[in-house]
């Protein structure tokens, strides 16, 4: 392993990374986020990301327990069904409280 390469690329000062001058990919990413379309994309991406985050933490779907592709598919389908039923119950409760 080339440890000298690692020391050159990752330089830290007080746990903050030092920016490398030729960091074009990060600069392009920052330019996209500064646009209105980039901000809209971030807001739209947040919705499915939050759904997957809720699958991972409260429903404990960090790892799949069933083996094989069909087992993983079935387990994910069950977790998504549970999540949708929980959301439906929450919406119904909210609608009942409004009336």
Protein backbone atom coordinates (compact mmCIF):
# COMPACT_ATOMS: atom_id res chain seq x y z
CA UNK A 1 0.00 0.00 0.00
CA UNK A 2 1.31 3.44 -0.89
CA UNK A 3 1.08 5.29 2.44
CA UNK A 4 2.77 8.38 1.03
CA UNK A 5 -0.14 8.78 -1.42
CA UNK A 6 -2.66 8.63 1.44
CA UNK A 7 -0.78 11.22 3.48
CA UNK A 8 -0.69 13.60 0.51
CA UNK A 9 -4.40 13.27 -0.38
CA UNK A 10 -5.84 13.33 3.13
CA UNK A 11 -4.44 16.17 5.18
CA UNK A 12 -6.28 17.16 8.31
CA UNK A 13 -5.89 20.16 10.54
CA UNK A 14 -8.00 20.22 13.71
CA UNK A 15 -10.30 17.51 12.26
CA UNK A 16 -11.18 19.73 9.28
CA UNK A 17 -10.07 18.55 5.84
CA UNK A 18 -7.87 20.91 3.87
CA UNK A 19 -9.22 21.63 0.38
CA UNK A 20 -7.04 20.53 -2.47
CA UNK A 21 -6.68 23.18 -5.19
CA UNK A 22 -7.63 20.83 -8.03
CA UNK A 23 -10.97 19.66 -6.60
CA UNK A 24 -13.12 20.11 -9.69
CA UNK A 25 -15.73 17.49 -8.80
CA UNK A 26 -16.58 19.18 -5.49
CA UNK A 27 -16.67 22.58 -7.17
CA UNK A 28 -19.09 21.26 -9.79
CA UNK A 29 -21.29 19.77 -7.08
CA UNK A 30 -21.38 23.05 -5.15
CA UNK A 31 -22.26 24.94 -8.35
CA UNK A 32 -25.19 22.58 -9.01
CA UNK A 33 -26.52 22.99 -5.47
CA UNK A 34 -26.38 26.79 -5.72
CA UNK A 35 -28.81 26.71 -8.68
CA UNK A 36 -32.56 26.80 -8.18
CA UNK A 37 -32.89 23.46 -9.97
CA UNK A 38 -30.28 21.93 -7.66
CA UNK A 39 -32.18 23.09 -4.58
CA UNK A 40 -35.43 21.72 -6.02
CA UNK A 41 -33.69 18.41 -6.70
CA UNK A 42 -32.49 18.26 -3.09
CA UNK A 43 -36.01 18.85 -1.77
CA UNK A 44 -37.48 16.18 -4.06
CA UNK A 45 -34.73 13.71 -3.16
CA UNK A 46 -35.42 14.19 0.56
CA UNK A 47 -38.83 12.47 0.43
CA UNK A 48 -37.70 8.99 -0.71
CA UNK A 49 -34.53 9.27 1.38
CA UNK A 50 -36.63 9.83 4.50
CA UNK A 51 -38.79 6.82 3.65
CA UNK A 52 -35.71 4.62 3.39
CA UNK A 53 -34.32 6.09 6.61
CA UNK A 54 -37.54 5.21 8.42
CA UNK A 55 -37.35 1.70 7.01
CA UNK A 56 -33.87 1.35 8.45
CA UNK A 57 -34.30 2.70 11.97
CA UNK A 58 -37.79 2.08 13.42
CA UNK A 59 -38.53 -0.98 11.29
CA UNK A 60 -35.00 -2.38 11.82
CA UNK A 61 -34.33 -3.06 8.16
CA UNK A 62 -30.61 -2.29 8.36
CA UNK A 63 -29.89 -5.78 7.11
CA UNK A 64 -32.12 -8.32 5.43
CA UNK A 65 -32.63 -11.55 7.34
CA UNK A 66 -34.09 -13.74 4.60
CA UNK A 67 -31.72 -15.33 2.12
CA UNK A 68 -31.76 -15.01 -1.63
CA UNK A 69 -33.17 -12.44 -3.98
CA UNK A 70 -36.77 -13.56 -3.52
CA UNK A 71 -36.38 -13.51 0.28
CA UNK A 72 -34.95 -9.99 0.18
CA UNK A 73 -37.74 -8.90 -2.14
CA UNK A 74 -40.40 -10.38 0.16
CA UNK A 75 -38.87 -8.85 3.29
CA UNK A 76 -38.60 -5.41 1.69
CA UNK A 77 -42.18 -5.66 0.42
CA UNK A 78 -43.41 -6.53 3.92
CA UNK A 79 -41.50 -3.60 5.46
CA UNK A 80 -42.84 -1.20 2.82
CA UNK A 81 -46.38 -2.49 3.45
CA UNK A 82 -45.99 -1.93 7.18
CA UNK A 83 -44.68 1.57 6.55
CA UNK A 84 -47.60 2.40 4.24
CA UNK A 85 -50.12 1.06 6.76
CA UNK A 86 -48.56 3.17 9.51
CA UNK A 87 -48.75 6.26 7.31
CA UNK A 88 -52.35 5.48 6.35
CA UNK A 89 -53.31 5.15 10.02
CA UNK A 90 -51.61 8.45 10.78
CA UNK A 91 -53.45 10.21 7.95
CA UNK A 92 -56.79 8.74 9.03
CA UNK A 93 -56.22 9.85 12.61
CA UNK A 94 -55.34 13.34 11.39
CA UNK A 95 -58.49 13.49 9.21
CA UNK A 96 -60.62 12.27 12.13
CA UNK A 97 -59.20 14.99 14.39
CA UNK A 98 -60.02 17.68 11.82
CA UNK A 99 -63.69 16.73 11.55
